[in-house]
Amino acid sequence: MTLLTVKIEKIGLKDAGQCIDPYITISVKDLNGIDLTPVQDTPVASRKEDTYVHFNVDIEIQKHVEKLTKGAAIFFEFKHYKPKKRFTSTKCFAFMEMDEIKPGTIVIELYKKPTDFKRKKLQLLTKKPLYLHLHQTLHKE
C-alpha cells in the first residue's frame, strides 16, 4: 500500500503580505464532497515574501492512496484572519485529483471561494499566474 506526504511549499497571491495568520486546511473529499480522511490544518505560515506565503510543511494524507475512491480529490483551502470582521476567512482554494498523485513537484491553480468540493462551478482566482506549489512523496508500506 502507498501513503502520500504532501509538502506545502508556498502559495502565490497578489496581496500575500497583507494576509494575517495565514494557514491551509487540507481535506480529502469524494465527488459528493464527503470527507474521506480527517481534516487537517497547517501551522500558520512561516514567512511572507513578495507575492508568496511560505509554509514548507509536510502533511500526511491519512489513508492509503489505493483506498481513496475514484473521483476523490485533495483540497487545499487558504485561510487568513480578518481583524475588522473578527473571523477567519477562506481566500481561495486549490485541489489535486487522483491522477495528479505522483512523486515530485506539482503546481496547481487557485480558484475563487466558496470552496466547491463537488468541483462543478470552478472559477480561477485571477488571470495572473498564481499557484499553490507542492511536493509529493509516495511511501510504500
Foldseek 3Di string as FASTA:
>chain_A
DKKKKKFFFKWFAQPQVPFAQKKKKKFKAALVRDTPADIDIAGGFPDTDRRMGGRRDIDIGPDGLVPRDARIKMKIWIWGADVVVGGIDTAWMWIGHSVRADAFKDWTFTFGDDDDRNPDDTHGPDPDPITTIMGMDMDDD
